Amino acid sequence: APSGTVSTVAGAAGVPGYVDGVGTTARFHQPYGVA
């Protein structure tokens, strides 16, 4: 956030995978870029 507060939007730390879902129920595998 502009205030410098960091939060996790989606995915679970240390848990790679491929799952669509909401927030931390979703899974990614080494996301490299965002837009």
PDB file of all heavy atoms in Angstrom:
ATOM      1  N   ALA A   1       0.843  -1.188   0.000  1.00  0.00           N
ATOM      2  CA  ALA A   1       0.000   0.000   0.000  1.00  0.00           C
ATOM      3  C   ALA A   1       0.885   1.249   0.000  1.00  0.00           C
ATOM      4  O   ALA A   1       2.067   1.183   0.354  1.00  0.00           O
ATOM      5  CB  ALA A   1      -0.905  -0.007   1.226  1.00  0.00           C
ATOM      6  N   PRO A   2       0.357   2.386  -0.397  1.00  0.00           N
ATOM      7  CA  PRO A   2       1.153   3.623  -0.363  1.00  0.00           C
ATOM      8  C   PRO A   2       1.765   3.909   1.007  1.00  0.00           C
ATOM      9  O   PRO A   2       2.801   4.567   1.098  1.00  0.00           O
ATOM     10  CB  PRO A   2       0.130   4.699  -0.757  1.00  0.00           C
ATOM     11  CG  PRO A   2      -0.837   3.974  -1.639  1.00  0.00           C
ATOM     12  CD  PRO A   2      -0.962   2.605  -1.024  1.00  0.00           C
ATOM     13  N   SER A   3       1.146   3.397   2.064  1.00  0.00           N
ATOM     14  CA  SER A   3       1.666   3.588   3.417  1.00  0.00           C
ATOM     15  C   SER A   3       2.867   2.699   3.709  1.00  0.00           C
ATOM     16  O   SER A   3       3.518   2.851   4.746  1.00  0.00           O
ATOM     17  CB  SER A   3       0.573   3.295   4.443  1.00  0.00           C
ATOM     18  OG  SER A   3       0.173   1.931   4.366  1.00  0.00           O
ATOM     19  N   GLY A   4       3.152   1.726   2.800  1.00  0.00           N
ATOM     20  CA  GLY A   4       4.254   0.795   3.013  1.00  0.00           C
ATOM     21  C   GLY A   4       3.839  -0.512   3.646  1.00  0.00           C
ATOM     22  O   GLY A   4       4.676  -1.378   3.917  1.00  0.00           O
ATOM     23  N   THR A   5       2.533  -0.706   3.864  1.00  0.00           N
ATOM     24  CA  THR A   5       2.035  -1.941   4.460  1.00  0.00           C
ATOM     25  C   THR A   5       1.964  -3.036   3.400  1.00  0.00           C
ATOM     26  O   THR A   5       1.362  -2.861   2.334  1.00  0.00           O
ATOM     27  CB  THR A   5       0.641  -1.737   5.069  1.00  0.00           C
ATOM     28  OG1 THR A   5       0.719  -0.730   6.078  1.00  0.00           O
ATOM     29  CG2 THR A   5       0.126  -3.027   5.690  1.00  0.00           C
ATOM     30  N   VAL A   6       2.574  -4.183   3.694  1.00  0.00           N
ATOM     31  CA  VAL A   6       2.638  -5.310   2.762  1.00  0.00           C
ATOM     32  C   VAL A   6       1.635  -6.373   3.174  1.00  0.00           C
ATOM     33  O   VAL A   6       1.565  -6.763   4.344  1.00  0.00           O
ATOM     34  CB  VAL A   6       4.048  -5.924   2.722  1.00  0.00           C
ATOM     35  CG1 VAL A   6       4.102  -7.118   1.767  1.00  0.00           C
ATOM     36  CG2 VAL A   6       5.067  -4.868   2.316  1.00  0.00           C
ATOM     37  N   SER A   7       0.859  -6.865   2.196  1.00  0.00           N
ATOM     38  CA  SER A   7      -0.077  -7.954   2.452  1.00  0.00           C
ATOM     39  C   SER A   7       0.026  -8.964   1.320  1.00  0.00           C
ATOM     40  O   SER A   7       0.529  -8.664   0.235  1.00  0.00           O
ATOM     41  CB  SER A   7      -1.508  -7.415   2.564  1.00  0.00           C
ATOM     42  OG  SER A   7      -1.879  -6.743   1.368  1.00  0.00           O
ATOM     43  N   THR A   8      -0.441 -10.174   1.576  1.00  0.00           N
ATOM     44  CA  THR A   8      -0.457 -11.224   0.549  1.00  0.00           C
ATOM     45  C   THR A   8      -1.828 -11.243  -0.103  1.00  0.00           C
ATOM     46  O   THR A   8      -2.836 -11.475   0.553  1.00  0.00           O
ATOM     47  CB  THR A   8      -0.135 -12.595   1.164  1.00  0.00           C
ATOM     48  OG1 THR A   8       1.172 -12.556   1.764  1.00  0.00           O
ATOM     49  CG2 THR A   8      -0.166 -13.685   0.100  1.00  0.00           C
ATOM     50  N   VAL A   9      -1.853 -10.983  -1.408  1.00  0.00           N
ATOM     51  CA  VAL A   9      -3.118 -10.891  -2.134  1.00  0.00           C
ATOM     52  C   VAL A   9      -3.620 -12.262  -2.541  1.00  0.00           C
ATOM     53  O   VAL A   9      -4.807 -12.574  -2.418  1.00  0.00           O
ATOM     54  CB  VAL A   9      -2.945 -10.008  -3.388  1.00  0.00           C
ATOM     55  CG1 VAL A   9      -4.228  -9.990  -4.220  1.00  0.00           C
ATOM     56  CG2 VAL A   9      -2.540  -8.612  -2.994  1.00  0.00           C
ATOM     57  N   ALA A  10      -2.719 -13.098  -3.050  1.00  0.00           N
ATOM     58  CA  ALA A  10      -3.132 -14.413  -3.552  1.00  0.00           C
ATOM     59  C   ALA A  10      -1.961 -15.379  -3.488  1.00  0.00           C
ATOM     60  O   ALA A  10      -0.801 -14.990  -3.586  1.00  0.00           O
ATOM     61  CB  ALA A  10      -3.648 -14.303  -4.977  1.00  0.00           C
ATOM     62  N   GLY A  11      -2.307 -16.667  -3.325  1.00  0.00           N
ATOM     63  CA  GLY A  11      -1.296 -17.705  -3.191  1.00  0.00           C
ATOM     64  C   GLY A  11      -0.923 -17.927  -1.736  1.00  0.00           C
ATOM     65  O   GLY A  11      -1.286 -17.138  -0.853  1.00  0.00           O
ATOM     66  N   ALA A  12      -0.214 -19.015  -1.501  1.00  0.00           N
ATOM     67  CA  ALA A  12       0.227 -19.366  -0.147  1.00  0.00           C
ATOM     68  C   ALA A  12       1.742 -19.516  -0.147  1.00  0.00           C
ATOM     69  O   ALA A  12       2.302 -20.231  -0.982  1.00  0.00           O
ATOM     70  CB  ALA A  12      -0.438 -20.663   0.319  1.00  0.00           C
ATOM     71  N   ALA A  13       2.408 -18.841   0.774  1.00  0.00           N
ATOM     72  CA  ALA A  13       3.864 -18.843   0.828  1.00  0.00           C
ATOM     73  C   ALA A  13       4.416 -20.253   0.962  1.00  0.00           C
ATOM     74  O   ALA A  13       3.994 -21.021   1.839  1.00  0.00           O
ATOM     75  CB  ALA A  13       4.344 -17.984   1.982  1.00  0.00           C
ATOM     76  N   GLY A  14       5.347 -20.595   0.079  1.00  0.00           N
ATOM     77  CA  GLY A  14       6.008 -21.893   0.142  1.00  0.00           C
ATOM     78  C   GLY A  14       5.195 -23.040  -0.407  1.00  0.00           C
ATOM     79  O   GLY A  14       5.610 -24.199  -0.298  1.00  0.00           O
ATOM     80  N   VAL A  15       4.041 -22.743  -1.018  1.00  0.00           N
ATOM     81  CA  VAL A  15       3.174 -23.802  -1.537  1.00  0.00           C
ATOM     82  C   VAL A  15       2.934 -23.577  -3.035  1.00  0.00           C
ATOM     83  O   VAL A  15       1.977 -22.893  -3.423  1.00  0.00           O
ATOM     84  CB  VAL A  15       1.824 -23.852  -0.795  1.00  0.00           C
ATOM     85  CG1 VAL A  15       1.013 -25.065  -1.260  1.00  0.00           C
ATOM     86  CG2 VAL A  15       2.028 -23.898   0.709  1.00  0.00           C
ATOM     87  N   PRO A  16       3.785 -24.127  -3.893  1.00  0.00           N
ATOM     88  CA  PRO A  16       3.568 -23.972  -5.335  1.00  0.00           C
ATOM     89  C   PRO A  16       2.429 -24.866  -5.811  1.00  0.00           C
ATOM     90  O   PRO A  16       2.103 -25.873  -5.183  1.00  0.00           O
ATOM     91  CB  PRO A  16       4.901 -24.412  -5.935  1.00  0.00           C
ATOM     92  CG  PRO A  16       5.448 -25.409  -4.950  1.00  0.00           C
ATOM     93  CD  PRO A  16       5.007 -24.912  -3.596  1.00  0.00           C
ATOM     94  N   GLY A  17       1.844 -24.494  -6.928  1.00  0.00           N
ATOM     95  CA  GLY A  17       0.784 -25.322  -7.495  1.00  0.00           C
ATOM     96  C   GLY A  17       0.026 -24.570  -8.563  1.00  0.00           C
ATOM     97  O   GLY A  17       0.453 -23.504  -9.019  1.00  0.00           O
ATOM     98  N   TYR A  18      -1.083 -25.133  -8.951  1.00  0.00           N
ATOM     99  CA  TYR A  18      -1.953 -24.486  -9.936  1.00  0.00           C
ATOM    100  C   TYR A  18      -3.396 -24.686  -9.495  1.00  0.00           C
ATOM    101  O   TYR A  18      -3.996 -25.753  -9.702  1.00  0.00           O
ATOM    102  CB  TYR A  18      -1.726 -25.057 -11.341  1.00  0.00           C
ATOM    103  CG  TYR A  18      -2.773 -24.618 -12.336  1.00  0.00           C
ATOM    104  CD1 TYR A  18      -3.106 -23.269 -12.471  1.00  0.00           C
ATOM    105  CD2 TYR A  18      -3.446 -25.552 -13.118  1.00  0.00           C
ATOM    106  CE1 TYR A  18      -4.072 -22.863 -13.376  1.00  0.00           C
ATOM    107  CE2 TYR A  18      -4.417 -25.154 -14.037  1.00  0.00           C
ATOM    108  CZ  TYR A  18      -4.728 -23.808 -14.158  1.00  0.00           C
ATOM    109  OH  TYR A  18      -5.689 -23.401 -15.047  1.00  0.00           O
ATOM    110  N   VAL A  19      -3.947 -23.656  -8.846  1.00  0.00           N
ATOM    111  CA  VAL A  19      -5.331 -23.699  -8.378  1.00  0.00           C
ATOM    112  C   VAL A  19      -5.927 -22.309  -8.545  1.00  0.00           C
ATOM    113  O   VAL A  19      -5.346 -21.322  -8.079  1.00  0.00           O
ATOM    114  CB  VAL A  19      -5.418 -24.105  -6.893  1.00  0.00           C
ATOM    115  CG1 VAL A  19      -6.885 -24.092  -6.434  1.00  0.00           C
ATOM    116  CG2 VAL A  19      -4.786 -25.457  -6.647  1.00  0.00           C
ATOM    117  N   ASP A  20      -7.060 -22.216  -9.225  1.00  0.00           N
ATOM    118  CA  ASP A  20      -7.822 -20.968  -9.232  1.00  0.00           C
ATOM    119  C   ASP A  20      -8.631 -20.905  -7.940  1.00  0.00           C
ATOM    120  O   ASP A  20      -9.014 -21.944  -7.373  1.00  0.00           O
ATOM    121  CB  ASP A  20      -8.754 -20.907 -10.440  1.00  0.00           C
ATOM    122  CG  ASP A  20      -8.010 -20.654 -11.740  1.00  0.00           C
ATOM    123  OD1 ASP A  20      -6.874 -20.121 -11.690  1.00  0.00           O
ATOM    124  OD2 ASP A  20      -8.558 -20.990 -12.812  1.00  0.00           O
ATOM    125  N   GLY A  21      -8.890 -19.705  -7.484  1.00  0.00           N
ATOM    126  CA  GLY A  21      -9.628 -19.557  -6.239  1.00  0.00           C
ATOM    127  C   GLY A  21      -9.581 -18.120  -5.776  1.00  0.00           C
ATOM    128  O   GLY A  21      -9.221 -17.213  -6.527  1.00  0.00           O
ATOM    129  N   VAL A  22      -9.893 -17.902  -4.523  1.00  0.00           N
ATOM    130  CA  VAL A  22      -9.913 -16.553  -3.958  1.00  0.00           C
ATOM    131  C   VAL A  22      -8.791 -16.403  -2.946  1.00  0.00           C
ATOM    132  O   VAL A  22      -8.641 -17.237  -2.042  1.00  0.00           O
ATOM    133  CB  VAL A  22     -11.267 -16.252  -3.283  1.00  0.00           C
ATOM    134  CG1 VAL A  22     -11.248 -14.858  -2.663  1.00  0.00           C
ATOM    135  CG2 VAL A  22     -12.410 -16.361  -4.294  1.00  0.00           C
ATOM    136  N   GLY A  23      -8.011 -15.367  -3.111  1.00  0.00           N
ATOM    137  CA  GLY A  23      -6.961 -15.038  -2.149  1.00  0.00           C
ATOM    138  C   GLY A  23      -5.962 -16.162  -1.929  1.00  0.00           C
ATOM    139  O   GLY A  23      -5.399 -16.724  -2.874  1.00  0.00           O
ATOM    140  N   THR A  24      -5.770 -16.539  -0.682  1.00  0.00           N
ATOM    141  CA  THR A  24      -4.751 -17.530  -0.331  1.00  0.00           C
ATOM    142  C   THR A  24      -5.147 -18.960  -0.680  1.00  0.00           C
ATOM    143  O   THR A  24      -4.349 -19.881  -0.489  1.00  0.00           O
ATOM    144  CB  THR A  24      -4.427 -17.450   1.168  1.00  0.00           C
ATOM    145  OG1 THR A  24      -5.621 -17.621   1.937  1.00  0.00           O
ATOM    146  CG2 THR A  24      -3.797 -16.099   1.509  1.00  0.00           C
ATOM    147  N   THR A  25      -6.350 -19.171  -1.202  1.00  0.00           N
ATOM    148  CA  THR A  25      -6.704 -20.523  -1.655  1.00  0.00           C
ATOM    149  C   THR A  25      -6.165 -20.794  -3.063  1.00  0.00           C
ATOM    150  O   THR A  25      -6.112 -21.944  -3.496  1.00  0.00           O
ATOM    151  CB  THR A  25      -8.238 -20.730  -1.657  1.00  0.00           C
ATOM    152  OG1 THR A  25      -8.836 -19.877  -2.631  1.00  0.00           O
ATOM    153  CG2 THR A  25      -8.829 -20.427  -0.284  1.00  0.00           C
ATOM    154  N   ALA A  26      -5.803 -19.754  -3.771  1.00  0.00           N
ATOM    155  CA  ALA A  26      -5.231 -19.922  -5.110  1.00  0.00           C
ATOM    156  C   ALA A  26      -3.777 -20.364  -4.994  1.00  0.00           C
ATOM    157  O   ALA A  26      -3.130 -20.206  -3.950  1.00  0.00           O
ATOM    158  CB  ALA A  26      -5.319 -18.613  -5.889  1.00  0.00           C
ATOM    159  N   ARG A  27      -3.259 -20.949  -6.077  1.00  0.00           N
ATOM    160  CA  ARG A  27      -1.866 -21.395  -6.090  1.00  0.00           C
ATOM    161  C   ARG A  27      -1.195 -20.949  -7.388  1.00  0.00           C
ATOM    162  O   ARG A  27      -1.782 -20.967  -8.474  1.00  0.00           O
ATOM    163  CB  ARG A  27      -1.777 -22.923  -5.978  1.00  0.00           C
ATOM    164  CG  ARG A  27      -2.304 -23.481  -4.664  1.00  0.00           C
ATOM    165  CD  ARG A  27      -1.385 -23.110  -3.501  1.00  0.00           C
ATOM    166  NE  ARG A  27      -1.883 -23.654  -2.240  1.00  0.00           N
ATOM    167  CZ  ARG A  27      -2.684 -22.993  -1.387  1.00  0.00           C
ATOM    168  NH1 ARG A  27      -3.086 -21.755  -1.693  1.00  0.00           N
ATOM    169  NH2 ARG A  27      -3.067 -23.550  -0.272  1.00  0.00           N
ATOM    170  N   PHE A  28       0.071 -20.549  -7.242  1.00  0.00           N
ATOM    171  CA  PHE A  28       0.925 -20.180  -8.364  1.00  0.00           C
ATOM    172  C   PHE A  28       2.223 -20.978  -8.263  1.00  0.00           C
ATOM    173  O   PHE A  28       2.543 -21.543  -7.212  1.00  0.00           O
ATOM    174  CB  PHE A  28       1.280 -18.682  -8.309  1.00  0.00           C
ATOM    175  CG  PHE A  28       0.094 -17.756  -8.309  1.00  0.00           C
ATOM    176  CD1 PHE A  28      -0.511 -17.375  -7.116  1.00  0.00           C
ATOM    177  CD2 PHE A  28      -0.410 -17.269  -9.494  1.00  0.00           C
ATOM    178  CE1 PHE A  28      -1.596 -16.522  -7.099  1.00  0.00           C
ATOM    179  CE2 PHE A  28      -1.504 -16.405  -9.498  1.00  0.00           C
ATOM    180  CZ  PHE A  28      -2.099 -16.033  -8.292  1.00  0.00           C
ATOM    181  N   HIS A  29       2.968 -21.001  -9.351  1.00  0.00           N
ATOM    182  CA  HIS A  29       4.277 -21.655  -9.349  1.00  0.00           C
ATOM    183  C   HIS A  29       5.300 -20.694  -9.957  1.00  0.00           C
ATOM    184  O   HIS A  29       5.362 -20.531 -11.159  1.00  0.00           O
ATOM    185  CB  HIS A  29       4.233 -22.964 -10.131  1.00  0.00           C
ATOM    186  CG  HIS A  29       5.484 -23.770  -9.993  1.00  0.00           C
ATOM    187  ND1 HIS A  29       5.717 -24.894 -10.750  1.00  0.00           N
ATOM    188  CD2 HIS A  29       6.570 -23.611  -9.201  1.00  0.00           C
ATOM    189  CE1 HIS A  29       6.895 -25.403 -10.412  1.00  0.00           C
ATOM    190  NE2 HIS A  29       7.432 -24.629  -9.488  1.00  0.00           N
ATOM    191  N   GLN A  30       6.029 -20.037  -9.091  1.00  0.00           N
ATOM    192  CA  GLN A  30       7.054 -19.069  -9.476  1.00  0.00           C
ATOM    193  C   GLN A  30       6.515 -17.979 -10.408  1.00  0.00           C
ATOM    194  O   GLN A  30       6.884 -17.901 -11.579  1.00  0.00           O
ATOM    195  CB  GLN A  30       8.258 -19.762 -10.123  1.00  0.00           C
ATOM    196  CG  GLN A  30       9.087 -20.560  -9.138  1.00  0.00           C
ATOM    197  CD  GLN A  30      10.369 -21.090  -9.750  1.00  0.00           C
ATOM    198  OE1 GLN A  30      10.394 -21.504 -10.906  1.00  0.00           O
ATOM    199  NE2 GLN A  30      11.444 -21.070  -8.970  1.00  0.00           N
ATOM    200  N   PRO A  31       5.662 -17.132  -9.887  1.00  0.00           N
ATOM    201  CA  PRO A  31       5.225 -15.989 -10.693  1.00  0.00           C
ATOM    202  C   PRO A  31       6.382 -15.010 -10.892  1.00  0.00           C
ATOM    203  O   PRO A  31       7.039 -14.616  -9.921  1.00  0.00           O
ATOM    204  CB  PRO A  31       4.117 -15.366  -9.840  1.00  0.00           C
ATOM    205  CG  PRO A  31       4.452 -15.771  -8.429  1.00  0.00           C
ATOM    206  CD  PRO A  31       5.064 -17.135  -8.534  1.00  0.00           C
ATOM    207  N   TYR A  32       6.634 -14.643 -12.148  1.00  0.00           N
ATOM    208  CA  TYR A  32       7.775 -13.789 -12.465  1.00  0.00           C
ATOM    209  C   TYR A  32       7.398 -12.334 -12.718  1.00  0.00           C
ATOM    210  O   TYR A  32       8.217 -11.439 -12.535  1.00  0.00           O
ATOM    211  CB  TYR A  32       8.499 -14.311 -13.712  1.00  0.00           C
ATOM    212  CG  TYR A  32       9.538 -15.373 -13.456  1.00  0.00           C
ATOM    213  CD1 TYR A  32       9.487 -16.178 -12.323  1.00  0.00           C
ATOM    214  CD2 TYR A  32      10.569 -15.591 -14.366  1.00  0.00           C
ATOM    215  CE1 TYR A  32      10.420 -17.159 -12.096  1.00  0.00           C
ATOM    216  CE2 TYR A  32      11.525 -16.573 -14.150  1.00  0.00           C
ATOM    217  CZ  TYR A  32      11.442 -17.365 -13.015  1.00  0.00           C
ATOM    218  OH  TYR A  32      12.381 -18.347 -12.808  1.00  0.00           O
ATOM    219  N   GLY A  33       6.183 -12.076 -13.208  1.00  0.00           N
ATOM    220  CA  GLY A  33       5.840 -10.710 -13.581  1.00  0.00           C
ATOM    221  C   GLY A  33       4.392 -10.393 -13.313  1.00  0.00           C
ATOM    222  O   GLY A  33       3.549 -11.283 -13.197  1.00  0.00           O
ATOM    223  N   VAL A  34       4.101  -9.099 -13.222  1.00  0.00           N
ATOM    224  CA  VAL A  34       2.739  -8.627 -12.995  1.00  0.00           C
ATOM    225  C   VAL A  34       2.493  -7.365 -13.823  1.00  0.00           C
ATOM    226  O   VAL A  34       3.422  -6.632 -14.153  1.00  0.00           O
ATOM    227  CB  VAL A  34       2.462  -8.318 -11.507  1.00  0.00           C
ATOM    228  CG1 VAL A  34       2.297  -9.582 -10.702  1.00  0.00           C
ATOM    229  CG2 VAL A  34       3.573  -7.454 -10.912  1.00  0.00           C
ATOM    230  N   ALA A  35       1.228  -7.135 -14.139  1.00  0.00           N
ATOM    231  CA  ALA A  35       0.792  -5.898 -14.784  1.00  0.00           C
ATOM    232  C   ALA A  35      -0.607  -5.592 -14.275  1.00  0.00           C
ATOM    233  O   ALA A  35      -1.356  -6.509 -13.929  1.00  0.00           O
ATOM    234  CB  ALA A  35       0.790  -6.039 -16.301  1.00  0.00           C
TER     235      ALA A  35
END
